[in-house]
Amino acid sequence: MSFVGTFSHTLDAKKRVFIPSKFREELGAEFYITRKFDPYLSVYTAKDWEEYVERISSLPEADAAELQDFILGAAQKCVIDASGRIVLEERLMKHARIDKSILFMGAGKQIKIWAEEVFNERENNRDLSYIRSLMSTYKL
């Protein structure tokens, strides 16, 4: 399974957002959203989430505790409603600077959720020569 593509949606007044139909089936009945270090949210299937939690839990205790607090403590378990929507928690929205326009971006084993204006700013400042260098280094 690999999430690919980019889709824009808008947050409604009740902080609900449609999950792109291309992602719904692969996500399954329940999935997880959490924050990372950059201003976006990461979405994982239940299976990939459990593997991620296991990897964090296997770290030395002090390191695991920091990551558990930051990543697992901020996580949200989601179930899509009958209309294909979820409600985003306020703390996650604040981390990702989400106000209204949301961009869902497939990123392999995860989906990244960006505030559309944050994503666009990032894209406008992207260093294409660095990406070219990475692709050359890894022969992609």
N, C-alpha and C. Protein backbone atom coordinates (compact mmCIF):
# COMPACT_ATOMS: atom_id res chain seq x y z
N MET A 1 0.84 -1.18 0.00
CA MET A 1 0.00 0.00 0.00
C MET A 1 0.89 1.24 0.00
N SER A 2 0.50 2.17 -0.82
CA SER A 2 1.26 3.41 -0.91
C SER A 2 0.30 4.56 -1.19
N PHE A 3 0.29 5.55 -0.30
CA PHE A 3 -0.55 6.72 -0.50
C PHE A 3 0.17 7.68 -1.43
N VAL A 4 -0.52 8.11 -2.48
CA VAL A 4 0.05 9.07 -3.43
C VAL A 4 -1.02 10.08 -3.81
N GLY A 5 -0.58 11.22 -4.30
CA GLY A 5 -1.49 12.25 -4.77
C GLY A 5 -1.68 13.36 -3.75
N THR A 6 -2.26 14.44 -4.21
CA THR A 6 -2.52 15.62 -3.38
C THR A 6 -3.95 16.07 -3.60
N PHE A 7 -4.65 16.34 -2.50
CA PHE A 7 -6.06 16.70 -2.55
C PHE A 7 -6.34 17.84 -1.59
N SER A 8 -7.12 18.81 -2.03
CA SER A 8 -7.49 19.95 -1.19
C SER A 8 -8.92 19.81 -0.69
N HIS A 9 -9.12 20.15 0.57
CA HIS A 9 -10.46 20.18 1.17
C HIS A 9 -10.52 21.35 2.12
N THR A 10 -11.73 21.67 2.55
CA THR A 10 -11.94 22.81 3.45
C THR A 10 -12.55 22.33 4.76
N LEU A 11 -12.05 22.86 5.83
CA LEU A 11 -12.57 22.59 7.16
C LEU A 11 -13.90 23.31 7.31
N ASP A 12 -14.93 22.62 7.84
CA ASP A 12 -16.21 23.30 8.03
C ASP A 12 -16.27 23.96 9.41
N ALA A 13 -17.38 24.58 9.74
CA ALA A 13 -17.52 25.33 10.99
C ALA A 13 -17.38 24.44 12.23
N LYS A 14 -17.66 23.15 12.08
CA LYS A 14 -17.55 22.21 13.21
C LYS A 14 -16.21 21.49 13.23
N LYS A 15 -15.24 22.01 12.49
CA LYS A 15 -13.88 21.45 12.38
C LYS A 15 -13.88 20.06 11.77
N ARG A 16 -14.82 19.80 10.87
CA ARG A 16 -14.87 18.53 10.15
C ARG A 16 -14.24 18.74 8.78
N VAL A 17 -13.62 17.67 8.29
CA VAL A 17 -13.03 17.72 6.96
C VAL A 17 -13.25 16.38 6.28
N PHE A 18 -13.51 16.43 4.99
CA PHE A 18 -13.66 15.21 4.20
C PHE A 18 -12.30 14.56 4.00
N ILE A 19 -12.22 13.27 4.21
CA ILE A 19 -11.02 12.50 3.88
C ILE A 19 -11.13 12.19 2.39
N PRO A 20 -10.11 12.47 1.61
CA PRO A 20 -10.20 12.19 0.17
C PRO A 20 -10.62 10.74 -0.09
N SER A 21 -11.57 10.58 -1.00
CA SER A 21 -12.09 9.25 -1.28
C SER A 21 -11.00 8.28 -1.71
N LYS A 22 -9.97 8.77 -2.37
CA LYS A 22 -8.85 7.91 -2.81
C LYS A 22 -8.12 7.30 -1.61
N PHE A 23 -8.20 7.94 -0.44
CA PHE A 23 -7.49 7.46 0.75
C PHE A 23 -8.38 6.64 1.69
N ARG A 24 -9.69 6.85 1.63
CA ARG A 24 -10.59 6.24 2.62
C ARG A 24 -10.48 4.72 2.70
N GLU A 25 -10.54 4.07 1.57
CA GLU A 25 -10.53 2.60 1.57
C GLU A 25 -9.24 2.06 2.15
N GLU A 26 -8.11 2.65 1.76
CA GLU A 26 -6.82 2.18 2.25
C GLU A 26 -6.62 2.47 3.74
N LEU A 27 -7.22 3.54 4.24
CA LEU A 27 -7.09 3.87 5.66
C LEU A 27 -7.82 2.87 6.54
N GLY A 28 -8.93 2.33 6.06
CA GLY A 28 -9.68 1.36 6.85
C GLY A 28 -10.65 2.02 7.81
N ALA A 29 -11.23 1.21 8.68
CA ALA A 29 -12.29 1.67 9.59
C ALA A 29 -11.78 2.68 10.61
N GLU A 30 -10.55 2.51 11.05
CA GLU A 30 -9.97 3.47 11.99
C GLU A 30 -8.52 3.70 11.63
N PHE A 31 -8.04 4.89 11.98
CA PHE A 31 -6.66 5.26 11.69
C PHE A 31 -6.22 6.29 12.71
N TYR A 32 -4.98 6.71 12.63
CA TYR A 32 -4.41 7.61 13.63
C TYR A 32 -3.77 8.82 12.97
N ILE A 33 -3.92 9.96 13.64
CA ILE A 33 -3.28 11.21 13.22
C ILE A 33 -2.44 11.70 14.37
N THR A 34 -1.24 12.16 14.06
CA THR A 34 -0.39 12.75 15.09
C THR A 34 0.44 13.88 14.50
N ARG A 35 1.14 14.56 15.36
CA ARG A 35 2.03 15.63 14.90
C ARG A 35 3.43 15.07 14.72
N LYS A 36 4.20 15.80 13.96
CA LYS A 36 5.62 15.52 13.81
C LYS A 36 6.33 16.83 14.12
N PHE A 37 7.58 16.97 13.71
CA PHE A 37 8.34 18.15 14.09
C PHE A 37 8.09 19.34 13.18
N ASP A 38 7.79 19.09 11.94
CA ASP A 38 7.44 20.17 11.02
C ASP A 38 5.95 20.47 11.16
N PRO A 39 5.48 21.59 10.62
CA PRO A 39 4.07 21.98 10.80
C PRO A 39 3.11 21.24 9.87
N TYR A 40 3.02 19.93 10.04
CA TYR A 40 2.02 19.12 9.34
C TYR A 40 1.62 17.99 10.27
N LEU A 41 0.59 17.26 9.87
CA LEU A 41 0.13 16.11 10.64
C LEU A 41 0.38 14.85 9.83
N SER A 42 0.65 13.75 10.52
CA SER A 42 0.87 12.46 9.87
C SER A 42 -0.30 11.54 10.15
N VAL A 43 -0.78 10.88 9.11
CA VAL A 43 -1.90 9.94 9.21
C VAL A 43 -1.37 8.55 8.92
N TYR A 44 -1.70 7.60 9.80
CA TYR A 44 -1.25 6.21 9.67
C TYR A 44 -2.44 5.26 9.73
N THR A 45 -2.38 4.19 8.95
CA THR A 45 -3.36 3.12 9.11
C THR A 45 -3.16 2.51 10.49
N ALA A 46 -4.15 1.78 10.98
CA ALA A 46 -4.04 1.15 12.30
C ALA A 46 -2.85 0.21 12.35
N LYS A 47 -2.63 -0.55 11.29
CA LYS A 47 -1.50 -1.49 11.24
C LYS A 47 -0.16 -0.75 11.31
N ASP A 48 0.01 0.27 10.48
CA ASP A 48 1.26 1.02 10.47
C ASP A 48 1.46 1.79 11.77
N TRP A 49 0.37 2.25 12.38
CA TRP A 49 0.46 2.94 13.66
C TRP A 49 1.01 2.00 14.73
N GLU A 50 0.48 0.79 14.79
CA GLU A 50 0.94 -0.19 15.80
C GLU A 50 2.43 -0.50 15.61
N GLU A 51 2.87 -0.61 14.37
CA GLU A 51 4.29 -0.84 14.10
C GLU A 51 5.12 0.35 14.55
N TYR A 52 4.62 1.55 14.33
CA TYR A 52 5.31 2.78 14.72
C TYR A 52 5.42 2.87 16.25
N VAL A 53 4.33 2.57 16.94
CA VAL A 53 4.32 2.57 18.40
C VAL A 53 5.32 1.55 18.94
N GLU A 54 5.37 0.38 18.34
CA GLU A 54 6.33 -0.66 18.77
C GLU A 54 7.76 -0.18 18.60
N ARG A 55 8.05 0.48 17.48
CA ARG A 55 9.41 1.00 17.25
C ARG A 55 9.78 2.02 18.31
N ILE A 56 8.87 2.91 18.65
CA ILE A 56 9.14 3.90 19.68
C ILE A 56 9.32 3.21 21.04
N SER A 57 8.46 2.26 21.34
CA SER A 57 8.51 1.57 22.63
C SER A 57 9.77 0.75 22.82
N SER A 58 10.42 0.37 21.73
CA SER A 58 11.62 -0.46 21.83
C SER A 58 12.89 0.37 22.08
N LEU A 59 12.76 1.68 22.05
CA LEU A 59 13.91 2.56 22.29
C LEU A 59 14.29 2.57 23.77
N PRO A 60 15.51 3.04 24.10
CA PRO A 60 15.86 3.19 25.52
C PRO A 60 14.79 4.04 26.22
N GLU A 61 14.53 3.72 27.47
CA GLU A 61 13.39 4.30 28.19
C GLU A 61 13.30 5.82 28.14
N ALA A 62 14.40 6.51 28.38
CA ALA A 62 14.36 7.98 28.40
C ALA A 62 14.01 8.55 27.02
N ASP A 63 14.59 7.97 25.97
CA ASP A 63 14.29 8.42 24.61
C ASP A 63 12.84 8.09 24.24
N ALA A 64 12.42 6.88 24.58
CA ALA A 64 11.04 6.47 24.29
C ALA A 64 10.05 7.41 24.98
N ALA A 65 10.34 7.78 26.22
CA ALA A 65 9.43 8.64 26.98
C ALA A 65 9.24 9.99 26.29
N GLU A 66 10.33 10.57 25.79
CA GLU A 66 10.22 11.86 25.10
C GLU A 66 9.36 11.75 23.85
N LEU A 67 9.60 10.71 23.06
CA LEU A 67 8.83 10.53 21.82
C LEU A 67 7.38 10.15 22.11
N GLN A 68 7.17 9.34 23.14
CA GLN A 68 5.81 8.97 23.52
C GLN A 68 5.02 10.21 23.92
N ASP A 69 5.66 11.08 24.70
CA ASP A 69 4.98 12.31 25.13
C ASP A 69 4.65 13.19 23.93
N PHE A 70 5.62 13.39 23.05
CA PHE A 70 5.44 14.33 21.95
C PHE A 70 4.54 13.76 20.85
N ILE A 71 4.79 12.54 20.43
CA ILE A 71 4.09 11.97 19.28
C ILE A 71 2.83 11.20 19.69
N LEU A 72 2.98 10.26 20.61
CA LEU A 72 1.84 9.43 20.99
C LEU A 72 0.84 10.22 21.83
N GLY A 73 1.35 11.07 22.70
CA GLY A 73 0.47 11.86 23.55
C GLY A 73 -0.41 12.84 22.79
N ALA A 74 0.02 13.21 21.61
CA ALA A 74 -0.76 14.16 20.79
C ALA A 74 -1.63 13.44 19.76
N ALA A 75 -1.55 12.13 19.69
CA ALA A 75 -2.24 11.38 18.65
C ALA A 75 -3.76 11.39 18.84
N GLN A 76 -4.44 11.25 17.72
CA GLN A 76 -5.90 11.20 17.68
C GLN A 76 -6.30 9.95 16.92
N LYS A 77 -7.13 9.11 17.55
CA LYS A 77 -7.70 7.95 16.87
C LYS A 77 -8.93 8.43 16.11
N CYS A 78 -9.05 8.08 14.84
CA CYS A 78 -10.13 8.59 14.00
C CYS A 78 -10.98 7.47 13.42
N VAL A 79 -12.25 7.76 13.31
CA VAL A 79 -13.20 6.91 12.60
C VAL A 79 -13.97 7.85 11.67
N ILE A 80 -14.04 7.50 10.42
CA ILE A 80 -14.71 8.33 9.42
C ILE A 80 -16.22 8.21 9.60
N ASP A 81 -16.94 9.35 9.58
CA ASP A 81 -18.40 9.31 9.72
C ASP A 81 -19.03 8.87 8.39
N ALA A 82 -20.35 8.74 8.40
CA ALA A 82 -21.08 8.24 7.23
C ALA A 82 -20.93 9.14 6.01
N SER A 83 -20.56 10.40 6.22
CA SER A 83 -20.37 11.33 5.12
C SER A 83 -18.92 11.41 4.63
N GLY A 84 -18.01 10.61 5.27
CA GLY A 84 -16.61 10.60 4.84
C GLY A 84 -15.76 11.65 5.52
N ARG A 85 -16.21 12.14 6.69
CA ARG A 85 -15.50 13.21 7.38
C ARG A 85 -14.93 12.74 8.72
N ILE A 86 -13.97 13.52 9.22
CA ILE A 86 -13.47 13.39 10.58
C ILE A 86 -13.45 14.78 11.20
N VAL A 87 -13.36 14.82 12.53
CA VAL A 87 -13.18 16.08 13.25
C VAL A 87 -11.73 16.12 13.70
N LEU A 88 -11.03 17.21 13.37
CA LEU A 88 -9.65 17.36 13.80
C LEU A 88 -9.61 18.01 15.18
N GLU A 89 -8.76 17.48 16.05
CA GLU A 89 -8.62 18.04 17.39
C GLU A 89 -7.88 19.38 17.32
N GLU A 90 -8.27 20.28 18.21
CA GLU A 90 -7.74 21.64 18.24
C GLU A 90 -6.21 21.66 18.36
N ARG A 91 -5.65 20.82 19.24
CA ARG A 91 -4.19 20.86 19.46
C ARG A 91 -3.44 20.46 18.19
N LEU A 92 -3.98 19.51 17.44
CA LEU A 92 -3.33 19.11 16.19
C LEU A 92 -3.46 20.22 15.14
N MET A 93 -4.63 20.84 15.08
CA MET A 93 -4.82 21.94 14.13
C MET A 93 -3.86 23.09 14.43
N LYS A 94 -3.67 23.38 15.70
CA LYS A 94 -2.77 24.46 16.09
C LYS A 94 -1.34 24.13 15.67
N HIS A 95 -0.91 22.90 15.90
CA HIS A 95 0.45 22.49 15.52
C HIS A 95 0.69 22.68 14.02
N ALA A 96 -0.30 22.28 13.22
CA ALA A 96 -0.16 22.34 11.76
C ALA A 96 -0.59 23.69 11.18
N ARG A 97 -0.99 24.60 12.04
CA ARG A 97 -1.43 25.94 11.63
C ARG A 97 -2.62 25.88 10.67
N ILE A 98 -3.49 24.90 10.91
CA ILE A 98 -4.67 24.72 10.06
C ILE A 98 -5.76 25.68 10.51
N ASP A 99 -6.28 26.41 9.53
CA ASP A 99 -7.37 27.33 9.79
C ASP A 99 -8.60 26.94 8.98
N LYS A 100 -8.47 26.84 7.68
CA LYS A 100 -9.61 26.55 6.82
C LYS A 100 -9.27 25.59 5.68
N SER A 101 -8.28 25.94 4.87
CA SER A 101 -7.92 25.13 3.70
C SER A 101 -6.88 24.08 4.08
N ILE A 102 -7.18 22.85 3.72
CA ILE A 102 -6.34 21.72 4.09
C ILE A 102 -5.87 21.00 2.84
N LEU A 103 -4.63 20.56 2.86
CA LEU A 103 -4.08 19.79 1.77
C LEU A 103 -3.68 18.41 2.29
N PHE A 104 -4.23 17.36 1.69
CA PHE A 104 -3.86 15.98 2.01
C PHE A 104 -2.85 15.53 0.96
N MET A 105 -1.70 15.06 1.41
CA MET A 105 -0.65 14.66 0.49
C MET A 105 -0.24 13.22 0.79
N GLY A 106 -0.38 12.34 -0.20
CA GLY A 106 0.09 10.98 -0.05
C GLY A 106 1.60 10.97 0.03
N ALA A 107 2.14 10.24 1.01
CA ALA A 107 3.59 10.20 1.22
C ALA A 107 4.02 8.77 1.54
N GLY A 108 3.66 7.85 0.66
CA GLY A 108 4.06 6.46 0.88
C GLY A 108 3.20 5.78 1.93
N LYS A 109 3.81 5.42 3.07
CA LYS A 109 3.08 4.72 4.13
C LYS A 109 2.25 5.65 5.01
N GLN A 110 2.33 6.93 4.76
CA GLN A 110 1.54 7.87 5.55
C GLN A 110 0.92 8.91 4.63
N ILE A 111 -0.02 9.64 5.20
CA ILE A 111 -0.60 10.80 4.54
C ILE A 111 -0.19 12.00 5.38
N LYS A 112 0.21 13.06 4.72
CA LYS A 112 0.54 14.29 5.44
C LYS A 112 -0.61 15.27 5.25
N ILE A 113 -1.00 15.90 6.35
CA ILE A 113 -2.05 16.92 6.31
C ILE A 113 -1.39 18.26 6.58
N TRP A 114 -1.52 19.16 5.63
CA TRP A 114 -0.92 20.49 5.71
C TRP A 114 -1.99 21.56 5.70
N ALA A 115 -1.75 22.67 6.35
CA ALA A 115 -2.51 23.88 6.07
C ALA A 115 -2.08 24.27 4.66
N GLU A 116 -3.02 24.50 3.79
CA GLU A 116 -2.68 24.72 2.38
C GLU A 116 -1.71 25.89 2.19
N GLU A 117 -1.89 26.97 2.95
CA GLU A 117 -0.99 28.12 2.80
C GLU A 117 0.42 27.80 3.28
N VAL A 118 0.56 26.96 4.31
CA VAL A 118 1.89 26.56 4.80
C VAL A 118 2.57 25.69 3.75
N PHE A 119 1.81 24.76 3.17
CA PHE A 119 2.36 23.89 2.13
C PHE A 119 2.80 24.71 0.92
N ASN A 120 1.96 25.65 0.50
CA ASN A 120 2.29 26.47 -0.67
C ASN A 120 3.55 27.29 -0.44
N GLU A 121 3.69 27.84 0.76
CA GLU A 121 4.91 28.59 1.09
C GLU A 121 6.13 27.68 1.01
N ARG A 122 5.99 26.49 1.54
CA ARG A 122 7.09 25.51 1.49
C ARG A 122 7.44 25.18 0.04
N GLU A 123 6.43 24.96 -0.77
CA GLU A 123 6.66 24.63 -2.18
C GLU A 123 7.36 25.78 -2.91
N ASN A 124 6.95 26.99 -2.62
CA ASN A 124 7.55 28.16 -3.27
C ASN A 124 9.01 28.35 -2.90
N ASN A 125 9.40 27.83 -1.76
CA ASN A 125 10.79 27.98 -1.29
C ASN A 125 11.60 26.69 -1.40
N ARG A 126 11.05 25.70 -2.06
CA ARG A 126 11.72 24.40 -2.18
C ARG A 126 13.02 24.53 -2.96
N ASP A 127 14.06 23.88 -2.47
CA ASP A 127 15.38 23.89 -3.10
C ASP A 127 15.47 22.71 -4.07
N LEU A 128 15.15 22.97 -5.32
CA LEU A 128 15.13 21.89 -6.31
C LEU A 128 16.51 21.30 -6.58
N SER A 129 17.55 22.09 -6.43
CA SER A 129 18.90 21.54 -6.63
C SER A 129 19.22 20.52 -5.54
N TYR A 130 18.74 20.75 -4.33
CA TYR A 130 18.95 19.78 -3.25
C TYR A 130 18.19 18.48 -3.54
N ILE A 131 16.97 18.61 -4.02
CA ILE A 131 16.19 17.41 -4.36
C ILE A 131 16.86 16.65 -5.50
N ARG A 132 17.35 17.38 -6.50
CA ARG A 132 18.08 16.75 -7.60
C ARG A 132 19.29 15.99 -7.07
N SER A 133 20.00 16.59 -6.12
CA SER A 133 21.16 15.96 -5.51
C SER A 133 20.77 14.68 -4.77
N LEU A 134 19.68 14.74 -4.03
CA LEU A 134 19.20 13.54 -3.32
C LEU A 134 18.86 12.42 -4.29
N MET A 135 18.16 12.78 -5.36
CA MET A 135 17.77 11.77 -6.36
C MET A 135 19.00 11.16 -7.01
N SER A 136 19.99 11.97 -7.25
CA SER A 136 21.23 11.47 -7.85
C SER A 136 21.98 10.56 -6.87
N THR A 137 22.07 11.01 -5.63
CA THR A 137 22.77 10.23 -4.60
C THR A 137 22.15 8.84 -4.43
N TYR A 138 20.84 8.79 -4.40
CA TYR A 138 20.14 7.53 -4.16
C TYR A 138 19.68 6.85 -5.45
N LYS A 139 20.11 7.40 -6.58
CA LYS A 139 19.80 6.84 -7.90
C LYS A 139 18.30 6.60 -8.09
N LEU A 140 17.53 7.67 -7.82
CA LEU A 140 16.08 7.61 -7.95
C LEU A 140 15.62 8.25 -9.24
